[in-house]
Amino acid sequence: MSRLQEKYQSELAGEIQKKLGLKNSMQVPRITKITLNMGVGEAVADKKVMDFAMKDMEKIAGQKPLMRRARKSVAAFKLRDGMPIGCKVTLRRERMYEFLDRLINVAAPRVRDFRGLSPKAFDGRGNYSLGVREQIIFPEIDFDQIDTTRGLDIAITTSAENDEQGRALLEAFNFPFRKQGLSS
C-alpha cells in the first residue's frame, strides 16, 4: 500500500469527515481515478513522434498508454479518420496514489516560477484538472532522451459532490494550491 493511500485511510478520512460535518464514513470524498492525456498533433505529419510520446507517458504513469485516434476527418488539419493523435492513461488504486504523491511532492515544485496550483480549476462536481506545459518536470523523464518538450493534461476525478468537498479532499493531501490573494 502506498504512503498516501495509507495516510488517507488512517488519518485523512476522519479529518475530512469532521471538517465537512458528514455523518457516515462512506460519504467522505475520495479520489477515484487520475487520467493523464497527451495530445500529439505533430503525429499527423510524423509517425515517430507518437512513439516518443507513448514512451514518455509510459515512464510518467508506470503503465502502457492507450493510443487515441481521430474520430473524423478534418481537411484543415490534414487529419484522416483513425489517425493517431494522442495518448491517455487512466490510473486507479495503487498507481494512482503513487502518481499523486510524485505529482505533489516532486513534479509540481519543479515547475518554473511555481507559485501553487490554481484553486479555480474545479469543474463544479469536485473534480480537478490541471495542465503541465513540459513533461520534463517528472523525474522519470531523462532530459537527454526526449525529442521535444510536450505538455499533458491531468484530471483528478473524485467522489465529491461539489467543489468545496473536492477542495477539502485535495487540501488534506497537501495539494499546493495558490493562496487566494495572489493573481494569475
N, C-alpha and C. Protein backbone atom coordinates (compact mmCIF):
# COMPACT_ATOMS: atom_id res chain seq x y z
N MET A 1 0.85 -1.19 0.00
CA MET A 1 0.00 0.00 0.00
C MET A 1 0.89 1.24 0.00
N SER A 2 0.56 2.19 -0.84
CA SER A 2 1.39 3.39 -0.96
C SER A 2 1.21 4.31 0.26
N ARG A 3 2.16 5.20 0.41
CA ARG A 3 2.21 6.09 1.57
C ARG A 3 0.96 6.97 1.67
N LEU A 4 0.54 7.56 0.56
CA LEU A 4 -0.63 8.44 0.57
C LEU A 4 -1.92 7.67 0.83
N GLN A 5 -2.03 6.48 0.30
CA GLN A 5 -3.24 5.67 0.50
C GLN A 5 -3.37 5.29 1.97
N GLU A 6 -2.26 4.91 2.57
CA GLU A 6 -2.25 4.56 3.99
C GLU A 6 -2.63 5.76 4.85
N LYS A 7 -2.06 6.92 4.51
CA LYS A 7 -2.35 8.15 5.25
C LYS A 7 -3.82 8.53 5.12
N TYR A 8 -4.38 8.38 3.93
CA TYR A 8 -5.79 8.70 3.72
C TYR A 8 -6.68 7.81 4.58
N GLN A 9 -6.42 6.51 4.56
CA GLN A 9 -7.28 5.57 5.29
C GLN A 9 -7.15 5.71 6.80
N SER A 10 -5.93 6.00 7.29
CA SER A 10 -5.73 6.06 8.74
C SER A 10 -6.06 7.42 9.34
N GLU A 11 -5.69 8.52 8.67
CA GLU A 11 -5.85 9.85 9.26
C GLU A 11 -6.84 10.74 8.51
N LEU A 12 -6.58 10.94 7.22
CA LEU A 12 -7.27 11.98 6.46
C LEU A 12 -8.78 11.78 6.35
N ALA A 13 -9.24 10.55 6.18
CA ALA A 13 -10.68 10.31 6.01
C ALA A 13 -11.46 10.82 7.23
N GLY A 14 -10.96 10.55 8.42
CA GLY A 14 -11.62 11.02 9.65
C GLY A 14 -11.61 12.54 9.76
N GLU A 15 -10.46 13.14 9.42
CA GLU A 15 -10.35 14.61 9.48
C GLU A 15 -11.31 15.27 8.49
N ILE A 16 -11.38 14.74 7.28
CA ILE A 16 -12.27 15.31 6.25
C ILE A 16 -13.73 15.16 6.68
N GLN A 17 -14.06 14.00 7.28
CA GLN A 17 -15.43 13.77 7.73
C GLN A 17 -15.84 14.81 8.77
N LYS A 18 -14.94 15.10 9.72
CA LYS A 18 -15.23 16.11 10.75
C LYS A 18 -15.33 17.50 10.13
N LYS A 19 -14.39 17.82 9.24
CA LYS A 19 -14.35 19.16 8.63
C LYS A 19 -15.62 19.45 7.83
N LEU A 20 -16.10 18.44 7.09
CA LEU A 20 -17.28 18.63 6.25
C LEU A 20 -18.59 18.34 6.99
N GLY A 21 -18.50 17.81 8.21
CA GLY A 21 -19.70 17.52 9.00
C GLY A 21 -20.52 16.38 8.44
N LEU A 22 -19.86 15.35 7.93
CA LEU A 22 -20.56 14.21 7.35
C LEU A 22 -20.87 13.18 8.43
N LYS A 23 -22.05 12.56 8.36
CA LYS A 23 -22.47 11.61 9.39
C LYS A 23 -21.88 10.22 9.17
N ASN A 24 -21.78 9.81 7.92
CA ASN A 24 -21.36 8.46 7.58
C ASN A 24 -19.96 8.48 6.96
N SER A 25 -19.13 7.52 7.31
CA SER A 25 -17.77 7.47 6.76
C SER A 25 -17.75 7.17 5.26
N MET A 26 -18.84 6.58 4.74
CA MET A 26 -18.91 6.29 3.31
C MET A 26 -19.21 7.55 2.48
N GLN A 27 -19.61 8.64 3.15
CA GLN A 27 -19.88 9.90 2.46
C GLN A 27 -18.60 10.69 2.21
N VAL A 28 -17.52 10.31 2.88
CA VAL A 28 -16.26 11.04 2.76
C VAL A 28 -15.76 10.94 1.32
N PRO A 29 -15.46 12.09 0.69
CA PRO A 29 -14.98 12.04 -0.70
C PRO A 29 -13.63 11.34 -0.80
N ARG A 30 -13.41 10.68 -1.92
CA ARG A 30 -12.12 10.03 -2.16
C ARG A 30 -11.77 10.20 -3.64
N ILE A 31 -10.52 10.02 -3.94
CA ILE A 31 -10.07 10.11 -5.33
C ILE A 31 -10.38 8.77 -6.00
N THR A 32 -11.12 8.81 -7.10
CA THR A 32 -11.49 7.56 -7.77
C THR A 32 -10.51 7.20 -8.89
N LYS A 33 -10.03 8.22 -9.63
CA LYS A 33 -9.07 7.94 -10.70
C LYS A 33 -8.34 9.21 -11.09
N ILE A 34 -7.19 9.03 -11.71
CA ILE A 34 -6.43 10.14 -12.29
C ILE A 34 -6.19 9.79 -13.75
N THR A 35 -6.58 10.71 -14.63
CA THR A 35 -6.43 10.48 -16.07
C THR A 35 -5.38 11.43 -16.62
N LEU A 36 -4.39 10.87 -17.32
CA LEU A 36 -3.36 11.67 -17.98
C LEU A 36 -3.63 11.61 -19.48
N ASN A 37 -3.61 12.76 -20.12
CA ASN A 37 -3.88 12.82 -21.56
C ASN A 37 -2.82 13.69 -22.22
N MET A 38 -2.29 13.22 -23.33
CA MET A 38 -1.30 13.98 -24.09
C MET A 38 -1.76 14.05 -25.54
N GLY A 39 -2.08 15.24 -25.99
CA GLY A 39 -2.44 15.43 -27.39
C GLY A 39 -1.17 15.61 -28.21
N VAL A 40 -1.05 14.86 -29.28
CA VAL A 40 0.15 14.92 -30.11
C VAL A 40 -0.27 15.25 -31.54
N GLY A 41 -0.50 16.52 -31.79
CA GLY A 41 -0.94 16.97 -33.11
C GLY A 41 0.12 16.77 -34.17
N GLU A 42 1.40 16.80 -33.76
CA GLU A 42 2.50 16.64 -34.73
C GLU A 42 2.54 15.23 -35.30
N ALA A 43 1.85 14.28 -34.67
CA ALA A 43 1.86 12.89 -35.14
C ALA A 43 1.21 12.74 -36.51
N VAL A 44 0.43 13.73 -36.93
CA VAL A 44 -0.19 13.69 -38.25
C VAL A 44 0.88 13.73 -39.33
N ALA A 45 1.90 14.57 -39.14
CA ALA A 45 2.98 14.71 -40.13
C ALA A 45 4.06 13.64 -39.96
N ASP A 46 4.40 13.29 -38.71
CA ASP A 46 5.50 12.36 -38.45
C ASP A 46 5.04 11.28 -37.48
N LYS A 47 5.04 10.03 -37.93
CA LYS A 47 4.55 8.92 -37.12
C LYS A 47 5.44 8.60 -35.92
N LYS A 48 6.74 8.90 -36.02
CA LYS A 48 7.67 8.58 -34.93
C LYS A 48 7.41 9.42 -33.68
N VAL A 49 6.83 10.60 -33.86
CA VAL A 49 6.54 11.48 -32.73
C VAL A 49 5.62 10.78 -31.74
N MET A 50 4.67 10.02 -32.26
CA MET A 50 3.72 9.30 -31.40
C MET A 50 4.43 8.27 -30.53
N ASP A 51 5.44 7.60 -31.09
CA ASP A 51 6.20 6.61 -30.32
C ASP A 51 6.92 7.26 -29.15
N PHE A 52 7.54 8.43 -29.40
CA PHE A 52 8.22 9.15 -28.32
C PHE A 52 7.24 9.57 -27.24
N ALA A 53 6.08 10.06 -27.65
CA ALA A 53 5.06 10.50 -26.70
C ALA A 53 4.56 9.32 -25.85
N MET A 54 4.36 8.18 -26.49
CA MET A 54 3.89 6.99 -25.77
C MET A 54 4.93 6.52 -24.75
N LYS A 55 6.22 6.56 -25.13
CA LYS A 55 7.28 6.16 -24.20
C LYS A 55 7.35 7.10 -23.01
N ASP A 56 7.25 8.41 -23.27
CA ASP A 56 7.27 9.39 -22.19
C ASP A 56 6.10 9.17 -21.24
N MET A 57 4.93 8.96 -21.79
CA MET A 57 3.72 8.76 -20.98
C MET A 57 3.84 7.49 -20.15
N GLU A 58 4.42 6.45 -20.73
CA GLU A 58 4.59 5.19 -20.01
C GLU A 58 5.55 5.36 -18.83
N LYS A 59 6.62 6.14 -19.03
CA LYS A 59 7.56 6.40 -17.94
C LYS A 59 6.90 7.20 -16.83
N ILE A 60 6.10 8.20 -17.19
CA ILE A 60 5.45 9.06 -16.20
C ILE A 60 4.40 8.28 -15.40
N ALA A 61 3.56 7.51 -16.09
CA ALA A 61 2.43 6.85 -15.45
C ALA A 61 2.78 5.49 -14.84
N GLY A 62 3.77 4.81 -15.42
CA GLY A 62 4.10 3.49 -14.92
C GLY A 62 3.22 2.39 -15.53
N GLN A 63 2.45 2.73 -16.53
CA GLN A 63 1.68 1.73 -17.27
C GLN A 63 1.54 2.16 -18.72
N LYS A 64 1.24 1.18 -19.58
CA LYS A 64 1.20 1.45 -21.02
C LYS A 64 0.00 2.34 -21.36
N PRO A 65 0.25 3.42 -22.13
CA PRO A 65 -0.86 4.30 -22.50
C PRO A 65 -1.70 3.74 -23.64
N LEU A 66 -2.92 4.25 -23.74
CA LEU A 66 -3.84 3.89 -24.80
C LEU A 66 -3.72 4.94 -25.90
N MET A 67 -3.50 4.48 -27.14
CA MET A 67 -3.38 5.43 -28.25
C MET A 67 -4.77 5.95 -28.61
N ARG A 68 -4.90 7.26 -28.73
CA ARG A 68 -6.16 7.90 -29.10
C ARG A 68 -6.13 8.21 -30.59
N ARG A 69 -7.22 7.90 -31.27
CA ARG A 69 -7.29 8.11 -32.72
C ARG A 69 -8.37 9.14 -33.05
N ALA A 70 -8.19 9.79 -34.20
CA ALA A 70 -9.16 10.79 -34.65
C ALA A 70 -10.49 10.12 -34.96
N ARG A 71 -11.58 10.77 -34.55
CA ARG A 71 -12.91 10.20 -34.78
C ARG A 71 -13.46 10.55 -36.15
N LYS A 72 -13.01 11.69 -36.68
CA LYS A 72 -13.46 12.04 -38.03
C LYS A 72 -12.39 12.85 -38.75
N SER A 73 -12.49 12.88 -40.06
CA SER A 73 -11.51 13.59 -40.88
C SER A 73 -11.76 15.09 -40.85
N VAL A 74 -10.66 15.86 -40.76
CA VAL A 74 -10.74 17.32 -40.83
C VAL A 74 -9.68 17.77 -41.82
N ALA A 75 -10.11 18.26 -42.97
CA ALA A 75 -9.19 18.62 -44.05
C ALA A 75 -8.27 19.76 -43.66
N ALA A 76 -8.75 20.72 -42.89
CA ALA A 76 -7.95 21.87 -42.49
C ALA A 76 -6.72 21.46 -41.68
N PHE A 77 -6.83 20.36 -40.92
CA PHE A 77 -5.71 19.88 -40.11
C PHE A 77 -4.96 18.73 -40.77
N LYS A 78 -5.32 18.41 -42.02
CA LYS A 78 -4.74 17.27 -42.75
C LYS A 78 -4.91 15.98 -41.94
N LEU A 79 -6.08 15.82 -41.38
CA LEU A 79 -6.38 14.73 -40.46
C LEU A 79 -7.37 13.76 -41.09
N ARG A 80 -7.05 12.47 -41.04
CA ARG A 80 -7.94 11.44 -41.54
C ARG A 80 -8.55 10.68 -40.36
N ASP A 81 -9.71 10.13 -40.59
CA ASP A 81 -10.39 9.32 -39.59
C ASP A 81 -9.51 8.12 -39.21
N GLY A 82 -9.28 7.91 -37.93
CA GLY A 82 -8.49 6.78 -37.46
C GLY A 82 -7.00 7.05 -37.29
N MET A 83 -6.54 8.25 -37.62
CA MET A 83 -5.12 8.58 -37.44
C MET A 83 -4.81 8.76 -35.95
N PRO A 84 -3.64 8.30 -35.48
CA PRO A 84 -3.29 8.51 -34.07
C PRO A 84 -3.00 10.00 -33.80
N ILE A 85 -3.65 10.55 -32.77
CA ILE A 85 -3.47 11.98 -32.45
C ILE A 85 -3.16 12.24 -30.98
N GLY A 86 -3.03 11.18 -30.18
CA GLY A 86 -2.73 11.40 -28.77
C GLY A 86 -2.69 10.09 -28.02
N CYS A 87 -2.44 10.19 -26.71
CA CYS A 87 -2.46 9.00 -25.87
C CYS A 87 -2.97 9.37 -24.48
N LYS A 88 -3.54 8.38 -23.80
CA LYS A 88 -4.05 8.63 -22.46
C LYS A 88 -3.82 7.42 -21.57
N VAL A 89 -3.80 7.70 -20.26
CA VAL A 89 -3.64 6.66 -19.26
C VAL A 89 -4.62 6.95 -18.14
N THR A 90 -5.31 5.93 -17.66
CA THR A 90 -6.18 6.08 -16.50
C THR A 90 -5.56 5.31 -15.36
N LEU A 91 -5.25 6.01 -14.28
CA LEU A 91 -4.62 5.40 -13.12
C LEU A 91 -5.65 5.20 -12.01
N ARG A 92 -5.63 4.04 -11.39
CA ARG A 92 -6.52 3.75 -10.26
C ARG A 92 -5.72 3.05 -9.17
N ARG A 93 -6.27 3.02 -7.98
CA ARG A 93 -5.73 2.33 -6.80
C ARG A 93 -4.27 2.68 -6.52
N GLU A 94 -3.41 1.67 -6.41
CA GLU A 94 -2.01 1.86 -6.01
C GLU A 94 -1.27 2.87 -6.88
N ARG A 95 -1.30 2.66 -8.18
CA ARG A 95 -0.56 3.54 -9.10
C ARG A 95 -1.07 4.97 -9.03
N MET A 96 -2.37 5.12 -8.81
CA MET A 96 -2.96 6.45 -8.71
C MET A 96 -2.36 7.21 -7.52
N TYR A 97 -2.30 6.56 -6.36
CA TYR A 97 -1.76 7.21 -5.17
C TYR A 97 -0.26 7.47 -5.31
N GLU A 98 0.46 6.54 -5.93
CA GLU A 98 1.90 6.75 -6.14
C GLU A 98 2.14 7.92 -7.08
N PHE A 99 1.34 8.03 -8.15
CA PHE A 99 1.48 9.16 -9.07
C PHE A 99 1.14 10.47 -8.38
N LEU A 100 0.07 10.49 -7.60
CA LEU A 100 -0.33 11.70 -6.88
C LEU A 100 0.76 12.16 -5.93
N ASP A 101 1.39 11.21 -5.25
CA ASP A 101 2.50 11.51 -4.33
C ASP A 101 3.65 12.17 -5.09
N ARG A 102 4.01 11.61 -6.25
CA ARG A 102 5.09 12.18 -7.06
C ARG A 102 4.72 13.55 -7.61
N LEU A 103 3.45 13.71 -8.01
CA LEU A 103 2.99 14.99 -8.56
C LEU A 103 3.07 16.09 -7.51
N ILE A 104 2.58 15.82 -6.31
CA ILE A 104 2.53 16.84 -5.25
C ILE A 104 3.92 17.17 -4.72
N ASN A 105 4.71 16.14 -4.44
CA ASN A 105 5.97 16.35 -3.72
C ASN A 105 7.20 16.54 -4.60
N VAL A 106 7.16 16.06 -5.84
CA VAL A 106 8.35 16.14 -6.69
C VAL A 106 8.11 17.00 -7.94
N ALA A 107 7.10 16.64 -8.73
CA ALA A 107 6.91 17.27 -10.04
C ALA A 107 6.43 18.72 -9.95
N ALA A 108 5.40 18.99 -9.17
CA ALA A 108 4.85 20.36 -9.10
C ALA A 108 5.89 21.39 -8.65
N PRO A 109 6.69 21.11 -7.62
CA PRO A 109 7.70 22.10 -7.24
C PRO A 109 8.79 22.32 -8.30
N ARG A 110 8.94 21.41 -9.26
CA ARG A 110 9.95 21.56 -10.31
C ARG A 110 9.49 22.45 -11.46
N VAL A 111 8.22 22.87 -11.45
CA VAL A 111 7.70 23.75 -12.50
C VAL A 111 8.38 25.11 -12.35
N ARG A 112 8.79 25.69 -13.49
CA ARG A 112 9.41 27.01 -13.46
C ARG A 112 8.44 28.06 -12.92
N ASP A 113 8.92 28.96 -12.06
CA ASP A 113 8.12 30.03 -11.46
C ASP A 113 6.86 29.48 -10.78
N PHE A 114 7.00 28.39 -10.04
CA PHE A 114 5.85 27.75 -9.41
C PHE A 114 5.41 28.52 -8.17
N ARG A 115 4.15 28.97 -8.19
CA ARG A 115 3.60 29.68 -7.04
C ARG A 115 2.41 28.94 -6.44
N GLY A 116 2.13 27.77 -6.95
CA GLY A 116 0.98 27.00 -6.49
C GLY A 116 0.02 26.74 -7.65
N LEU A 117 -0.84 25.77 -7.45
CA LEU A 117 -1.83 25.42 -8.47
C LEU A 117 -3.09 26.26 -8.29
N SER A 118 -3.76 26.57 -9.37
CA SER A 118 -4.96 27.41 -9.33
C SER A 118 -6.08 26.72 -8.56
N PRO A 119 -6.67 27.41 -7.58
CA PRO A 119 -7.81 26.82 -6.86
C PRO A 119 -9.12 26.92 -7.64
N LYS A 120 -9.09 27.51 -8.81
CA LYS A 120 -10.31 27.71 -9.61
C LYS A 120 -10.52 26.64 -10.67
N ALA A 121 -9.68 25.63 -10.72
CA ALA A 121 -9.74 24.64 -11.80
C ALA A 121 -10.66 23.46 -11.47
N PHE A 122 -11.59 23.65 -10.54
CA PHE A 122 -12.58 22.61 -10.26
C PHE A 122 -13.72 22.72 -11.25
N ASP A 123 -14.41 21.61 -11.51
CA ASP A 123 -15.43 21.59 -12.56
C ASP A 123 -16.86 21.77 -12.05
N GLY A 124 -17.06 21.98 -10.77
CA GLY A 124 -18.40 22.12 -10.22
C GLY A 124 -18.89 20.84 -9.55
N ARG A 125 -18.21 19.74 -9.80
CA ARG A 125 -18.57 18.46 -9.20
C ARG A 125 -17.43 17.87 -8.37
N GLY A 126 -16.47 18.70 -8.00
CA GLY A 126 -15.40 18.25 -7.13
C GLY A 126 -14.21 17.64 -7.84
N ASN A 127 -14.21 17.63 -9.18
CA ASN A 127 -13.07 17.09 -9.94
C ASN A 127 -12.12 18.22 -10.27
N TYR A 128 -10.82 17.92 -10.31
CA TYR A 128 -9.81 18.95 -10.54
C TYR A 128 -9.00 18.62 -11.79
N SER A 129 -8.74 19.63 -12.60
CA SER A 129 -7.94 19.45 -13.82
C SER A 129 -6.80 20.44 -13.85
N LEU A 130 -5.66 19.99 -14.33
CA LEU A 130 -4.53 20.89 -14.49
C LEU A 130 -3.75 20.50 -15.73
N GLY A 131 -3.06 21.47 -16.27
CA GLY A 131 -2.22 21.23 -17.43
C GLY A 131 -0.77 21.41 -17.08
N VAL A 132 0.07 20.58 -17.64
CA VAL A 132 1.51 20.66 -17.43
C VAL A 132 2.12 21.01 -18.78
N ARG A 133 2.93 22.06 -18.83
CA ARG A 133 3.48 22.51 -20.11
C ARG A 133 4.66 21.67 -20.59
N GLU A 134 5.42 21.10 -19.65
CA GLU A 134 6.60 20.30 -20.03
C GLU A 134 6.59 18.99 -19.27
N GLN A 135 6.86 17.90 -19.99
CA GLN A 135 6.89 16.60 -19.32
C GLN A 135 8.17 16.40 -18.53
N ILE A 136 9.15 17.30 -18.68
CA ILE A 136 10.44 17.12 -18.00
C ILE A 136 10.39 17.43 -16.51
N ILE A 137 9.24 17.90 -15.99
CA ILE A 137 9.14 18.13 -14.55
C ILE A 137 9.08 16.81 -13.79
N PHE A 138 8.75 15.72 -14.48
CA PHE A 138 8.69 14.42 -13.83
C PHE A 138 10.09 13.82 -13.79
N PRO A 139 10.51 13.28 -12.65
CA PRO A 139 11.88 12.76 -12.51
C PRO A 139 12.17 11.54 -13.39
N GLU A 140 11.13 10.85 -13.85
CA GLU A 140 11.34 9.65 -14.68
C GLU A 140 11.81 10.00 -16.08
N ILE A 141 11.56 11.21 -16.51
CA ILE A 141 11.93 11.64 -17.87
C ILE A 141 13.36 12.17 -17.86
N ASP A 142 14.22 11.54 -18.67
CA ASP A 142 15.60 11.99 -18.80
C ASP A 142 15.65 13.08 -19.87
N PHE A 143 16.15 14.24 -19.51
CA PHE A 143 16.16 15.40 -20.40
C PHE A 143 16.91 15.11 -21.71
N ASP A 144 17.97 14.31 -21.65
CA ASP A 144 18.77 13.99 -22.83
C ASP A 144 18.07 13.01 -23.78
N GLN A 145 17.09 12.28 -23.28
CA GLN A 145 16.42 11.24 -24.08
C GLN A 145 15.21 11.75 -24.85
N ILE A 146 14.69 12.94 -24.53
CA ILE A 146 13.46 13.40 -25.18
C ILE A 146 13.75 14.10 -26.50
N ASP A 147 12.78 14.02 -27.44
CA ASP A 147 12.94 14.68 -28.73
C ASP A 147 12.48 16.13 -28.66
N THR A 148 11.40 16.41 -27.94
CA THR A 148 10.90 17.77 -27.76
C THR A 148 10.05 17.82 -26.49
N THR A 149 9.88 19.02 -25.93
CA THR A 149 9.04 19.11 -24.73
C THR A 149 7.58 19.11 -25.15
N ARG A 150 6.79 18.35 -24.42
CA ARG A 150 5.36 18.22 -24.67
C ARG A 150 4.61 18.42 -23.37
N GLY A 151 3.42 18.94 -23.48
CA GLY A 151 2.58 19.11 -22.30
C GLY A 151 1.61 17.95 -22.15
N LEU A 152 0.96 17.90 -21.01
CA LEU A 152 -0.08 16.90 -20.81
C LEU A 152 -1.14 17.43 -19.86
N ASP A 153 -2.33 16.86 -19.93
CA ASP A 153 -3.43 17.23 -19.07
C ASP A 153 -3.57 16.17 -17.98
N ILE A 154 -3.85 16.63 -16.76
CA ILE A 154 -4.05 15.73 -15.64
C ILE A 154 -5.43 16.02 -15.07
N ALA A 155 -6.30 15.02 -15.04
CA ALA A 155 -7.64 15.18 -14.49
C ALA A 155 -7.77 14.27 -13.27
N ILE A 156 -8.06 14.87 -12.12
CA ILE A 156 -8.23 14.11 -10.88
C ILE A 156 -9.73 14.00 -10.61
N THR A 157 -10.26 12.80 -10.73
CA THR A 157 -11.69 12.56 -10.55
C THR A 157 -11.94 12.09 -9.13
N THR A 158 -12.87 12.76 -8.44
CA THR A 158 -13.17 12.42 -7.05
C THR A 158 -14.63 12.01 -6.92
N SER A 159 -14.97 11.46 -5.76
CA SER A 159 -16.37 11.12 -5.48
C SER A 159 -17.07 12.27 -4.76
N ALA A 160 -16.44 13.43 -4.69
CA ALA A 160 -17.02 14.59 -4.02
C ALA A 160 -18.27 15.06 -4.75
N GLU A 161 -19.21 15.62 -3.98
CA GLU A 161 -20.47 16.10 -4.57
C GLU A 161 -20.35 17.51 -5.11
N ASN A 162 -19.41 18.30 -4.58
CA ASN A 162 -19.26 19.68 -5.02
C ASN A 162 -17.79 20.11 -4.89
N ASP A 163 -17.50 21.32 -5.35
CA ASP A 163 -16.12 21.82 -5.33
C ASP A 163 -15.56 21.97 -3.93
N GLU A 164 -16.41 22.34 -2.99
CA GLU A 164 -15.97 22.52 -1.60
C GLU A 164 -15.42 21.21 -1.04
N GLN A 165 -16.14 20.12 -1.26
CA GLN A 165 -15.69 18.81 -0.80
C GLN A 165 -14.43 18.37 -1.54
N GLY A 166 -14.39 18.61 -2.84
CA GLY A 166 -13.21 18.25 -3.64
C GLY A 166 -11.98 18.99 -3.18
N ARG A 167 -12.14 20.28 -2.89
CA ARG A 167 -11.01 21.08 -2.43
C ARG A 167 -10.55 20.63 -1.04
N ALA A 168 -11.50 20.32 -0.15
CA ALA A 168 -11.14 19.82 1.19
C ALA A 168 -10.34 18.53 1.08
N LEU A 169 -10.74 17.66 0.15
CA LEU A 169 -10.03 16.39 -0.06
C LEU A 169 -8.60 16.63 -0.53
N LEU A 170 -8.44 17.47 -1.57
CA LEU A 170 -7.10 17.71 -2.11
C LEU A 170 -6.23 18.50 -1.14
N GLU A 171 -6.81 19.42 -0.37
CA GLU A 171 -6.03 20.15 0.64
C GLU A 171 -5.54 19.20 1.73
N ALA A 172 -6.33 18.18 2.06
CA ALA A 172 -5.91 17.19 3.06
C ALA A 172 -4.68 16.41 2.57
N PHE A 173 -4.56 16.25 1.25
CA PHE A 173 -3.39 15.59 0.66
C PHE A 173 -2.22 16.56 0.48
N ASN A 174 -2.32 17.77 1.03
CA ASN A 174 -1.29 18.83 0.92
C ASN A 174 -1.09 19.27 -0.52
N PHE A 175 -2.17 19.37 -1.27
CA PHE A 175 -2.10 19.87 -2.64
C PHE A 175 -1.64 21.32 -2.61
N PRO A 176 -0.64 21.68 -3.41
CA PRO A 176 -0.07 23.04 -3.33
C PRO A 176 -0.93 24.09 -4.05
N PHE A 177 -2.08 24.43 -3.45
CA PHE A 177 -2.93 25.46 -4.05
C PHE A 177 -2.34 26.84 -3.82
N ARG A 178 -2.55 27.72 -4.81
CA ARG A 178 -2.12 29.11 -4.72
C ARG A 178 -3.01 29.81 -3.69
N LYS A 179 -2.43 30.73 -2.95
CA LYS A 179 -3.20 31.50 -1.97
C LYS A 179 -4.19 32.39 -2.71
N GLN A 180 -5.37 32.62 -2.14
CA GLN A 180 -6.44 33.38 -2.78
C GLN A 180 -6.03 34.77 -3.22
N GLY A 181 -5.22 35.49 -2.45
CA GLY A 181 -4.88 36.88 -2.74
C GLY A 181 -3.99 37.08 -3.96
N LEU A 182 -3.24 36.07 -4.37
CA LEU A 182 -2.30 36.20 -5.49
C LEU A 182 -3.03 36.15 -6.82
N SER A 183 -2.56 36.93 -7.76
CA SER A 183 -3.19 36.94 -9.09
C SER A 183 -2.58 35.89 -10.00
N SER A 184 -3.28 35.60 -11.07
CA SER A 184 -2.92 34.61 -12.11
C SER A 184 -2.56 33.33 -11.49
